Amino acid sequence: MEETRTLRKSRRVAADCRLEFVGEDEIEGEAEVLDLSSTGCMAKSDQAMPPGLRMKVSLLLPDGHEWPVRIEEAVVRWARGGEFGVEFLVMRPPQLQRIQQFVIKHRPLG
């Protein structure tokens, strides 16, 4: 188990929020975020999320702002059952800062 922890790029925190996504081939929907880091998240959806799917993501963080964090490009890295992992590839610095602030204020997992 130790190896998986060292592979992680950044600190992860439990997150109770939603994300909305629009992907290739007109795949769109929403998911429940299970954990979050500045480089990605793990989420759960009723919709099948094929690994390799590129998408735009709106993250509805419970951080006092009314508008979502927008991630211009993200990719599904793995999917197992209804859960899947997303890597954030492209977002503007203010969006990244909001995620970083959220992560700093919450206890890390593991």
N, C-alpha and C. Protein backbone atom coordinates (compact mmCIF):
# COMPACT_ATOMS: atom_id res chain seq x y z
N MET A 1 0.80 -1.21 0.00
CA MET A 1 0.00 0.00 0.00
C MET A 1 0.85 1.28 0.00
N GLU A 2 2.03 1.20 0.57
CA GLU A 2 2.87 2.39 0.63
C GLU A 2 3.20 2.95 -0.76
N GLU A 3 3.39 2.06 -1.75
CA GLU A 3 3.78 2.54 -3.08
C GLU A 3 2.74 3.48 -3.68
N THR A 4 1.47 3.15 -3.49
CA THR A 4 0.43 3.99 -4.10
C THR A 4 0.46 5.40 -3.50
N ARG A 5 0.75 5.50 -2.24
CA ARG A 5 0.76 6.81 -1.62
C ARG A 5 1.91 7.67 -2.17
N THR A 6 3.06 7.06 -2.43
CA THR A 6 4.19 7.83 -2.93
C THR A 6 3.98 8.27 -4.38
N LEU A 7 3.10 7.60 -5.12
CA LEU A 7 2.84 7.98 -6.51
C LEU A 7 1.96 9.22 -6.61
N ARG A 8 1.22 9.53 -5.56
CA ARG A 8 0.32 10.69 -5.59
C ARG A 8 1.12 11.98 -5.73
N LYS A 9 0.62 12.86 -6.59
CA LYS A 9 1.34 14.10 -6.85
C LYS A 9 1.05 15.16 -5.79
N SER A 10 -0.15 15.10 -5.20
CA SER A 10 -0.51 16.16 -4.27
C SER A 10 -1.47 15.66 -3.20
N ARG A 11 -1.60 16.45 -2.17
CA ARG A 11 -2.42 16.13 -1.01
C ARG A 11 -3.88 16.00 -1.41
N ARG A 12 -4.55 14.96 -0.89
CA ARG A 12 -5.97 14.73 -1.18
C ARG A 12 -6.79 14.96 0.07
N VAL A 13 -7.97 15.52 -0.10
CA VAL A 13 -8.89 15.70 1.02
C VAL A 13 -10.26 15.16 0.65
N ALA A 14 -11.02 14.74 1.66
CA ALA A 14 -12.39 14.31 1.42
C ALA A 14 -13.18 15.54 0.98
N ALA A 15 -14.02 15.36 0.00
CA ALA A 15 -14.81 16.50 -0.50
C ALA A 15 -16.25 16.03 -0.68
N ASP A 16 -17.17 16.84 -0.24
CA ASP A 16 -18.58 16.52 -0.40
C ASP A 16 -19.15 17.59 -1.32
N CYS A 17 -18.96 17.40 -2.61
CA CYS A 17 -19.46 18.38 -3.57
C CYS A 17 -19.77 17.69 -4.88
N ARG A 18 -20.32 18.44 -5.83
CA ARG A 18 -20.68 17.87 -7.12
C ARG A 18 -19.76 18.40 -8.20
N LEU A 19 -19.65 17.60 -9.25
CA LEU A 19 -19.01 18.13 -10.44
C LEU A 19 -19.92 17.84 -11.61
N GLU A 20 -19.92 18.76 -12.54
CA GLU A 20 -20.68 18.60 -13.78
C GLU A 20 -19.66 18.49 -14.89
N PHE A 21 -19.94 17.63 -15.87
CA PHE A 21 -18.96 17.43 -16.93
C PHE A 21 -19.63 17.39 -18.30
N VAL A 22 -18.86 17.83 -19.29
CA VAL A 22 -19.26 17.72 -20.68
C VAL A 22 -18.06 17.14 -21.39
N GLY A 23 -18.25 15.96 -21.99
CA GLY A 23 -17.13 15.28 -22.61
C GLY A 23 -17.31 15.10 -24.10
N GLU A 24 -16.34 14.41 -24.67
CA GLU A 24 -16.39 14.07 -26.09
C GLU A 24 -17.62 13.21 -26.35
N ASP A 25 -18.04 13.13 -27.61
CA ASP A 25 -19.18 12.31 -28.01
C ASP A 25 -20.46 12.68 -27.24
N GLU A 26 -20.57 13.96 -26.90
CA GLU A 26 -21.76 14.48 -26.24
C GLU A 26 -22.09 13.79 -24.93
N ILE A 27 -21.09 13.23 -24.26
CA ILE A 27 -21.30 12.66 -22.94
C ILE A 27 -21.37 13.82 -21.96
N GLU A 28 -22.44 13.89 -21.19
CA GLU A 28 -22.51 14.92 -20.16
C GLU A 28 -23.30 14.39 -18.98
N GLY A 29 -23.04 15.00 -17.83
CA GLY A 29 -23.74 14.57 -16.63
C GLY A 29 -23.13 15.17 -15.41
N GLU A 30 -23.42 14.56 -14.27
CA GLU A 30 -22.81 15.05 -13.03
C GLU A 30 -22.40 13.87 -12.17
N ALA A 31 -21.54 14.16 -11.22
CA ALA A 31 -21.00 13.13 -10.34
C ALA A 31 -20.81 13.72 -8.96
N GLU A 32 -20.71 12.83 -7.98
CA GLU A 32 -20.44 13.21 -6.60
C GLU A 32 -18.93 13.08 -6.38
N VAL A 33 -18.30 14.15 -5.93
CA VAL A 33 -16.85 14.12 -5.68
C VAL A 33 -16.59 13.45 -4.33
N LEU A 34 -15.73 12.45 -4.33
CA LEU A 34 -15.40 11.71 -3.10
C LEU A 34 -14.13 12.25 -2.45
N ASP A 35 -13.15 12.56 -3.27
CA ASP A 35 -11.96 13.24 -2.75
C ASP A 35 -11.39 14.15 -3.82
N LEU A 36 -10.58 15.11 -3.37
CA LEU A 36 -10.13 16.17 -4.26
C LEU A 36 -8.69 16.54 -3.94
N SER A 37 -7.92 16.83 -4.99
CA SER A 37 -6.58 17.41 -4.83
C SER A 37 -6.46 18.49 -5.89
N SER A 38 -5.35 19.21 -5.89
CA SER A 38 -5.18 20.28 -6.88
C SER A 38 -4.92 19.71 -8.27
N THR A 39 -4.64 18.42 -8.38
CA THR A 39 -4.36 17.82 -9.69
C THR A 39 -5.47 16.89 -10.19
N GLY A 40 -6.51 16.65 -9.37
CA GLY A 40 -7.58 15.78 -9.82
C GLY A 40 -8.53 15.41 -8.71
N CYS A 41 -9.40 14.45 -9.00
CA CYS A 41 -10.37 14.02 -8.00
C CYS A 41 -10.82 12.60 -8.27
N MET A 42 -11.47 12.02 -7.27
CA MET A 42 -12.15 10.75 -7.44
C MET A 42 -13.63 11.06 -7.28
N ALA A 43 -14.44 10.51 -8.17
CA ALA A 43 -15.85 10.82 -8.14
C ALA A 43 -16.67 9.57 -8.40
N LYS A 44 -17.97 9.70 -8.21
CA LYS A 44 -18.89 8.57 -8.39
C LYS A 44 -20.06 9.06 -9.24
N SER A 45 -20.41 8.26 -10.25
CA SER A 45 -21.50 8.65 -11.15
C SER A 45 -22.29 7.41 -11.56
N ASP A 46 -23.56 7.60 -11.90
CA ASP A 46 -24.38 6.51 -12.44
C ASP A 46 -23.99 6.22 -13.88
N GLN A 47 -23.30 7.17 -14.48
CA GLN A 47 -22.94 7.08 -15.89
C GLN A 47 -21.59 6.37 -16.05
N ALA A 48 -21.46 5.52 -17.04
CA ALA A 48 -20.18 4.86 -17.32
C ALA A 48 -19.19 5.91 -17.82
N MET A 49 -18.00 5.94 -17.23
CA MET A 49 -16.98 6.92 -17.59
C MET A 49 -15.78 6.18 -18.18
N PRO A 50 -15.66 6.15 -19.50
CA PRO A 50 -14.56 5.40 -20.10
C PRO A 50 -13.20 6.06 -19.86
N PRO A 51 -12.19 5.29 -19.41
CA PRO A 51 -10.85 5.86 -19.26
C PRO A 51 -10.38 6.46 -20.59
N GLY A 52 -9.73 7.62 -20.48
CA GLY A 52 -9.27 8.31 -21.68
C GLY A 52 -10.24 9.40 -22.14
N LEU A 53 -11.46 9.41 -21.57
CA LEU A 53 -12.45 10.43 -21.95
C LEU A 53 -11.94 11.81 -21.53
N ARG A 54 -11.88 12.72 -22.50
CA ARG A 54 -11.50 14.11 -22.19
C ARG A 54 -12.77 14.92 -22.02
N MET A 55 -12.74 15.86 -21.06
CA MET A 55 -13.96 16.60 -20.76
C MET A 55 -13.64 17.94 -20.11
N LYS A 56 -14.65 18.80 -20.14
CA LYS A 56 -14.62 20.05 -19.37
C LYS A 56 -15.38 19.78 -18.09
N VAL A 57 -14.89 20.36 -16.98
CA VAL A 57 -15.49 20.08 -15.68
C VAL A 57 -15.84 21.38 -14.97
N SER A 58 -17.00 21.41 -14.33
CA SER A 58 -17.37 22.48 -13.41
C SER A 58 -17.49 21.85 -12.03
N LEU A 59 -16.69 22.34 -11.10
CA LEU A 59 -16.63 21.78 -9.75
C LEU A 59 -17.36 22.73 -8.81
N LEU A 60 -18.41 22.24 -8.16
CA LEU A 60 -19.22 23.08 -7.27
C LEU A 60 -18.69 22.94 -5.84
N LEU A 61 -17.66 23.70 -5.54
CA LEU A 61 -17.01 23.61 -4.23
C LEU A 61 -17.82 24.34 -3.17
N PRO A 62 -17.93 23.77 -1.97
CA PRO A 62 -18.61 24.46 -0.87
C PRO A 62 -17.65 25.41 -0.16
N ASP A 63 -17.20 26.44 -0.90
CA ASP A 63 -16.17 27.34 -0.35
C ASP A 63 -16.65 28.79 -0.25
N GLY A 64 -17.98 28.98 -0.30
CA GLY A 64 -18.50 30.33 -0.13
C GLY A 64 -18.70 31.09 -1.43
N HIS A 65 -18.18 30.57 -2.55
CA HIS A 65 -18.39 31.22 -3.85
C HIS A 65 -19.63 30.62 -4.51
N GLU A 66 -20.35 31.45 -5.23
CA GLU A 66 -21.58 30.97 -5.88
C GLU A 66 -21.31 30.33 -7.23
N TRP A 67 -20.15 30.61 -7.81
CA TRP A 67 -19.87 30.08 -9.14
C TRP A 67 -18.91 28.89 -9.03
N PRO A 68 -19.01 27.96 -9.99
CA PRO A 68 -18.16 26.77 -9.92
C PRO A 68 -16.72 27.05 -10.36
N VAL A 69 -15.83 26.15 -9.94
CA VAL A 69 -14.46 26.15 -10.44
C VAL A 69 -14.52 25.49 -11.82
N ARG A 70 -13.98 26.16 -12.82
CA ARG A 70 -14.03 25.61 -14.18
C ARG A 70 -12.67 25.04 -14.57
N ILE A 71 -12.69 23.79 -14.99
CA ILE A 71 -11.48 23.13 -15.47
C ILE A 71 -11.67 22.92 -16.96
N GLU A 72 -10.86 23.61 -17.76
CA GLU A 72 -11.05 23.58 -19.21
C GLU A 72 -10.83 22.22 -19.82
N GLU A 73 -9.86 21.48 -19.26
CA GLU A 73 -9.61 20.14 -19.80
C GLU A 73 -9.22 19.20 -18.67
N ALA A 74 -9.89 18.05 -18.66
CA ALA A 74 -9.61 16.99 -17.69
C ALA A 74 -9.73 15.66 -18.44
N VAL A 75 -9.17 14.61 -17.84
CA VAL A 75 -9.24 13.29 -18.48
C VAL A 75 -9.54 12.23 -17.43
N VAL A 76 -10.38 11.27 -17.80
CA VAL A 76 -10.66 10.13 -16.92
C VAL A 76 -9.46 9.19 -17.00
N ARG A 77 -8.81 8.93 -15.86
CA ARG A 77 -7.62 8.07 -15.83
C ARG A 77 -7.98 6.62 -15.54
N TRP A 78 -9.02 6.37 -14.74
CA TRP A 78 -9.43 5.00 -14.41
C TRP A 78 -10.91 5.02 -14.04
N ALA A 79 -11.54 3.87 -14.16
CA ALA A 79 -12.95 3.72 -13.77
C ALA A 79 -13.14 2.32 -13.22
N ARG A 80 -13.88 2.23 -12.11
CA ARG A 80 -14.12 0.94 -11.46
C ARG A 80 -15.51 1.01 -10.85
N GLY A 81 -16.42 0.20 -11.37
CA GLY A 81 -17.81 0.30 -10.90
C GLY A 81 -18.32 1.67 -11.26
N GLY A 82 -18.93 2.37 -10.33
CA GLY A 82 -19.41 3.73 -10.60
C GLY A 82 -18.39 4.79 -10.27
N GLU A 83 -17.22 4.39 -9.73
CA GLU A 83 -16.22 5.37 -9.33
C GLU A 83 -15.18 5.56 -10.44
N PHE A 84 -14.64 6.76 -10.51
CA PHE A 84 -13.63 7.04 -11.53
C PHE A 84 -12.68 8.14 -11.04
N GLY A 85 -11.48 8.14 -11.60
CA GLY A 85 -10.48 9.14 -11.26
C GLY A 85 -10.29 10.10 -12.41
N VAL A 86 -10.22 11.38 -12.08
CA VAL A 86 -10.07 12.43 -13.09
C VAL A 86 -8.78 13.20 -12.82
N GLU A 87 -7.99 13.41 -13.86
CA GLU A 87 -6.82 14.28 -13.74
C GLU A 87 -7.16 15.61 -14.39
N PHE A 88 -6.89 16.70 -13.66
CA PHE A 88 -7.11 18.05 -14.19
C PHE A 88 -5.89 18.42 -15.04
N LEU A 89 -6.13 18.75 -16.31
CA LEU A 89 -5.01 19.06 -17.21
C LEU A 89 -4.84 20.56 -17.45
N VAL A 90 -5.94 21.27 -17.70
CA VAL A 90 -5.84 22.70 -18.04
C VAL A 90 -6.87 23.49 -17.25
N MET A 91 -6.38 24.48 -16.48
CA MET A 91 -7.27 25.43 -15.81
C MET A 91 -6.50 26.71 -15.55
N ARG A 92 -7.23 27.80 -15.40
CA ARG A 92 -6.58 29.08 -15.17
C ARG A 92 -6.08 29.17 -13.73
N PRO A 93 -5.03 29.95 -13.49
CA PRO A 93 -4.47 30.08 -12.13
C PRO A 93 -5.50 30.42 -11.04
N PRO A 94 -6.46 31.35 -11.26
CA PRO A 94 -7.42 31.62 -10.17
C PRO A 94 -8.27 30.39 -9.81
N GLN A 95 -8.56 29.56 -10.79
CA GLN A 95 -9.34 28.35 -10.53
C GLN A 95 -8.51 27.37 -9.69
N LEU A 96 -7.25 27.21 -10.08
CA LEU A 96 -6.34 26.34 -9.33
C LEU A 96 -6.20 26.83 -7.89
N GLN A 97 -6.08 28.15 -7.71
CA GLN A 97 -5.94 28.70 -6.36
C GLN A 97 -7.15 28.38 -5.49
N ARG A 98 -8.34 28.41 -6.07
CA ARG A 98 -9.54 28.06 -5.28
C ARG A 98 -9.47 26.62 -4.80
N ILE A 99 -9.05 25.71 -5.68
CA ILE A 99 -8.94 24.31 -5.27
C ILE A 99 -7.86 24.17 -4.20
N GLN A 100 -6.72 24.84 -4.39
CA GLN A 100 -5.63 24.76 -3.42
C GLN A 100 -6.07 25.28 -2.05
N GLN A 101 -6.82 26.40 -2.04
CA GLN A 101 -7.31 26.95 -0.77
C GLN A 101 -8.25 25.97 -0.08
N PHE A 102 -9.12 25.33 -0.85
CA PHE A 102 -10.06 24.34 -0.31
C PHE A 102 -9.28 23.18 0.30
N VAL A 103 -8.28 22.68 -0.43
CA VAL A 103 -7.49 21.54 0.03
C VAL A 103 -6.72 21.88 1.31
N ILE A 104 -6.16 23.08 1.38
CA ILE A 104 -5.38 23.50 2.56
C ILE A 104 -6.26 23.53 3.81
N LYS A 105 -7.53 23.93 3.65
CA LYS A 105 -8.42 24.09 4.80
C LYS A 105 -9.03 22.77 5.30
N HIS A 106 -8.81 21.68 4.61
CA HIS A 106 -9.40 20.41 5.00
C HIS A 106 -8.34 19.38 5.35
N ARG A 107 -8.70 18.45 6.21
CA ARG A 107 -7.74 17.42 6.64
C ARG A 107 -7.41 16.47 5.52
N PRO A 108 -6.13 16.15 5.34
CA PRO A 108 -5.77 15.22 4.26
C PRO A 108 -6.23 13.79 4.56
N LEU A 109 -6.46 13.04 3.49
CA LEU A 109 -6.81 11.62 3.60
C LEU A 109 -5.55 10.80 3.79
N GLY A 110 -5.73 9.60 4.32
CA GLY A 110 -4.61 8.66 4.40
C GLY A 110 -3.75 8.91 5.59
